[in-house]
Amino acid sequence: QHQYTVRSIYFDTATRRNYHEKVDGIERRKKIRIRGYDFSTRDENRVFLEIKRKYGAFIIKNRAPAYWSDLPELLANRDIEKHIQTGPGFENAQADARQFFYHVISAAMRPVILVTYEREAFYVTFDRQIRITFDKNIRFRLTQTMEPLFEEEALLPLITDHFVLELKFHDSLPEWMLDILTDFGLQRRSFSKYALSLE
């Protein structure tokens, strides 16, 4: 019951600027994507315009929800007031959507690749700021449109014998979590699903 499917179509420039910034190890970089989810009890029509910013070891996300059925019109006319949903947790959704379109338009970004995987997510029971996720069955396909976001056809496996473990937290990890990482000899590694899939 902890598992759901994550689907992301990444945008990039014709020269793949975001990809090269990742490969070159640029400290301040971003990814632009539209993300959807498959939940066991889900609103199938909800997707998110996202900017994922990375500043060294820190990550900041901007997210703006919209209905999947409205996405073609939203991408065509960028009518944020009409199509972007606001509410609890998304008070800044319209501003986040404006930032999304600023990057897409100013850099002439287009859809590049779909990356899909299953995620198991767990919260620490006494601290909801700490989350542990396991991403598995990572698969991808090239695309120049948004149509394949919820499709499974023509997806290729990225890795089949490993999963990606992520620790998501605000500020810093507690000592008890660091002790567990040390006990298991776990080391922090960079793993970009977008860059590796594109390669």
Protein backbone atom coordinates (compact mmCIF):
# COMPACT_ATOMS: atom_id res chain seq x y z
CA GLN A 1 0.00 0.00 0.00
CA HIS A 2 3.03 2.29 0.14
CA GLN A 3 3.78 1.95 -3.58
CA TYR A 4 2.71 4.20 -6.44
CA THR A 5 3.94 5.02 -9.94
CA VAL A 6 5.76 8.27 -10.71
CA ARG A 7 5.71 9.57 -14.31
CA SER A 8 7.77 12.57 -15.44
CA ILE A 9 8.31 14.15 -18.83
CA TYR A 10 11.44 16.29 -18.75
CA PHE A 11 11.89 19.43 -20.81
CA ASP A 12 15.23 20.62 -22.16
CA THR A 13 16.69 22.91 -24.80
CA ALA A 14 17.70 21.84 -28.29
CA THR A 15 21.32 21.70 -27.07
CA ARG A 16 20.30 19.76 -23.92
CA ARG A 17 21.53 22.51 -21.62
CA ASN A 18 20.05 21.03 -18.43
CA TYR A 19 21.61 17.66 -19.20
CA HIS A 20 25.07 19.15 -19.78
CA GLU A 21 24.86 21.23 -16.61
CA LYS A 22 24.26 18.01 -14.67
CA VAL A 23 27.10 16.13 -16.41
CA ASP A 24 29.48 19.07 -15.96
CA GLY A 25 28.70 19.23 -12.25
CA ILE A 26 27.32 22.78 -12.26
CA GLU A 27 26.43 23.60 -8.65
CA ARG A 28 23.32 25.69 -9.41
CA ARG A 29 21.10 23.92 -11.89
CA LYS A 30 17.51 22.94 -12.48
CA LYS A 31 15.22 20.41 -14.09
CA ILE A 32 11.94 21.33 -15.75
CA ARG A 33 9.30 18.61 -15.90
CA ILE A 34 5.63 17.71 -15.82
CA ARG A 35 4.85 14.94 -13.36
CA GLY A 36 1.87 12.64 -12.89
CA TYR A 37 1.14 9.80 -10.50
CA ASP A 38 -0.66 6.48 -10.48
CA PHE A 39 -2.14 5.88 -7.02
CA SER A 40 -4.41 3.02 -6.00
CA THR A 41 -7.03 5.65 -5.12
CA ARG A 42 -6.09 8.58 -7.29
CA ASP A 43 -7.49 11.45 -9.28
CA GLU A 44 -6.15 10.27 -12.62
CA ASN A 45 -6.38 13.69 -14.16
CA ARG A 46 -4.03 15.66 -11.89
CA VAL A 47 -0.51 16.57 -13.05
CA PHE A 48 2.10 19.01 -11.79
CA LEU A 49 4.26 21.59 -13.51
CA GLU A 50 7.56 21.36 -11.65
CA ILE A 51 10.88 23.11 -11.34
CA LYS A 52 13.49 21.18 -9.34
CA ARG A 53 16.36 23.45 -8.36
CA LYS A 54 19.62 22.15 -6.98
CA TYR A 55 22.04 24.37 -5.11
CA GLY A 56 24.95 22.13 -4.15
CA ALA A 57 23.46 19.66 -1.68
CA PHE A 58 20.18 21.57 -1.30
CA ILE A 59 17.04 20.98 -3.38
CA ILE A 60 14.07 23.32 -3.80
CA LYS A 61 10.91 22.45 -5.74
CA ASN A 62 8.23 24.65 -7.26
CA ARG A 63 4.99 22.82 -8.11
CA ALA A 64 1.76 23.87 -9.75
CA PRO A 65 -1.15 21.40 -10.16
CA ALA A 66 -3.48 21.25 -13.15
CA TYR A 67 -5.90 18.76 -14.67
CA TRP A 68 -4.43 16.39 -17.25
CA SER A 69 -7.35 17.13 -19.55
CA ASP A 70 -6.49 20.87 -19.40
CA LEU A 71 -2.78 20.41 -20.05
CA PRO A 72 -2.80 20.78 -23.86
CA GLU A 73 -4.71 24.06 -23.63
CA LEU A 74 -2.55 25.26 -20.73
CA LEU A 75 0.67 24.58 -22.65
CA ALA A 76 -0.74 26.26 -25.74
CA ASN A 77 -2.21 29.45 -24.25
CA ARG A 78 -0.54 29.54 -20.79
CA ASP A 79 -3.78 30.72 -19.14
CA ILE A 80 -2.54 30.16 -15.59
CA GLU A 81 -5.52 31.78 -13.85
CA LYS A 82 -7.91 29.46 -15.68
CA HIS A 83 -6.11 26.13 -15.40
CA ILE A 84 -3.75 26.14 -12.40
CA GLN A 85 -5.31 24.89 -9.17
CA THR A 86 -4.66 26.64 -5.87
CA GLY A 87 -5.46 25.62 -2.33
CA PRO A 88 -3.84 24.19 0.82
CA GLY A 89 -0.24 23.31 0.04
CA PHE A 90 -0.36 25.16 -3.27
CA GLU A 91 -0.86 28.76 -2.22
CA ASN A 92 1.94 29.85 -4.59
CA ALA A 93 0.87 27.61 -7.48
CA GLN A 94 0.19 30.41 -9.94
CA ALA A 95 3.56 32.05 -9.24
CA ASP A 96 5.25 28.65 -9.59
CA ALA A 97 3.48 28.11 -12.91
CA ARG A 98 4.67 31.50 -14.15
CA GLN A 99 8.25 30.52 -13.29
CA PHE A 100 7.77 27.21 -15.12
CA PHE A 101 6.63 28.97 -18.28
CA TYR A 102 9.35 31.62 -17.96
CA HIS A 103 12.04 28.92 -18.17
CA VAL A 104 10.26 26.96 -20.90
CA ILE A 105 9.66 30.00 -23.11
CA SER A 106 12.90 31.92 -22.51
CA ALA A 107 15.06 28.86 -23.26
CA ALA A 108 12.77 27.39 -25.96
CA MET A 109 12.43 24.13 -24.03
CA ARG A 110 10.52 21.15 -25.38
CA PRO A 111 9.59 17.69 -24.04
CA VAL A 112 12.57 15.34 -24.33
CA ILE A 113 12.07 12.12 -22.39
CA LEU A 114 9.58 10.25 -20.22
CA VAL A 115 10.93 8.60 -17.06
CA THR A 116 8.65 6.24 -15.10
CA TYR A 117 9.20 4.19 -11.97
CA GLU A 118 7.51 2.68 -8.93
CA ARG A 119 8.11 4.38 -5.61
CA GLU A 120 7.65 3.12 -2.07
CA ALA A 121 7.53 6.04 0.36
CA PHE A 122 7.76 5.94 4.15
CA TYR A 123 7.56 8.73 6.71
CA VAL A 124 9.23 8.65 10.09
CA THR A 125 6.31 8.19 12.49
CA PHE A 126 7.44 10.88 14.92
CA ASP A 127 8.83 13.36 12.36
CA ARG A 128 6.93 13.93 9.10
CA GLN A 129 9.81 16.08 7.84
CA ILE A 130 11.86 12.92 7.19
CA ARG A 131 10.89 10.61 4.33
CA ILE A 132 12.56 7.51 2.92
CA THR A 133 11.78 6.43 -0.64
CA PHE A 134 12.69 3.39 -2.72
CA ASP A 135 12.52 3.90 -6.51
CA LYS A 136 12.52 0.74 -8.62
CA ASN A 137 11.74 -0.57 -12.09
CA ILE A 138 13.00 2.70 -13.61
CA ARG A 139 12.13 2.88 -17.31
CA PHE A 140 12.06 5.52 -20.02
CA ARG A 141 11.30 6.49 -23.61
CA LEU A 142 12.10 9.46 -25.80
CA THR A 143 9.19 11.77 -26.58
CA GLN A 144 8.57 15.16 -28.14
CA THR A 145 5.02 15.49 -26.81
CA MET A 146 3.09 15.11 -23.56
CA GLU A 147 0.82 12.34 -24.82
CA PRO A 148 2.79 9.34 -23.46
CA LEU A 149 2.83 10.52 -19.81
CA PHE A 150 0.43 7.80 -18.61
CA GLU A 151 1.38 5.19 -21.21
CA GLU A 152 3.53 2.08 -20.72
CA GLU A 153 4.20 1.29 -24.37
CA ALA A 154 7.79 1.32 -25.66
CA LEU A 155 9.38 1.95 -22.27
CA LEU A 156 12.97 0.71 -21.91
CA PRO A 157 14.51 -0.41 -18.60
CA LEU A 158 17.17 1.83 -17.11
CA ILE A 159 18.33 -0.43 -14.28
CA THR A 160 16.90 -3.85 -13.46
CA ASP A 161 19.05 -5.13 -10.59
CA HIS A 162 19.13 -2.08 -8.30
CA PHE A 163 16.80 0.43 -6.73
CA VAL A 164 17.41 4.01 -5.67
CA LEU A 165 17.16 4.81 -1.96
CA GLU A 166 16.60 8.47 -1.12
CA LEU A 167 16.49 10.19 2.25
CA LYS A 168 14.44 13.37 2.06
CA PHE A 169 14.66 15.82 4.93
CA HIS A 170 14.62 19.49 5.93
CA ASP A 171 17.68 21.13 7.48
CA SER A 172 19.73 18.08 8.53
CA LEU A 173 19.50 14.36 9.22
CA PRO A 174 19.19 13.34 12.88
CA GLU A 175 22.02 11.45 14.53
CA TRP A 176 20.07 8.21 14.74
CA MET A 177 19.63 8.21 10.96
CA LEU A 178 23.32 8.94 10.40
CA ASP A 179 24.17 6.02 12.70
CA ILE A 180 22.05 3.68 10.57
CA LEU A 181 23.76 4.86 7.37
CA THR A 182 27.14 4.28 8.99
CA ASP A 183 26.17 0.80 10.26
CA PHE A 184 25.18 -0.28 6.73
CA GLY A 185 28.14 1.41 5.07
CA LEU A 186 25.87 3.49 2.83
CA GLN A 187 27.48 6.30 0.86
CA ARG A 188 25.83 9.24 -0.81
CA ARG A 189 25.86 8.95 -4.61
CA SER A 190 24.62 11.16 -7.39
CA PHE A 191 21.95 9.49 -9.54
CA SER A 192 20.07 11.45 -12.16
CA LYS A 193 17.25 9.44 -13.70
CA TYR A 194 16.94 12.09 -16.40
CA ALA A 195 20.61 12.20 -17.38
CA LEU A 196 21.11 8.44 -17.30
CA SER A 197 17.96 7.79 -19.29
CA LEU A 198 18.96 10.36 -21.89
CA GLU A 199 22.40 8.76 -22.19
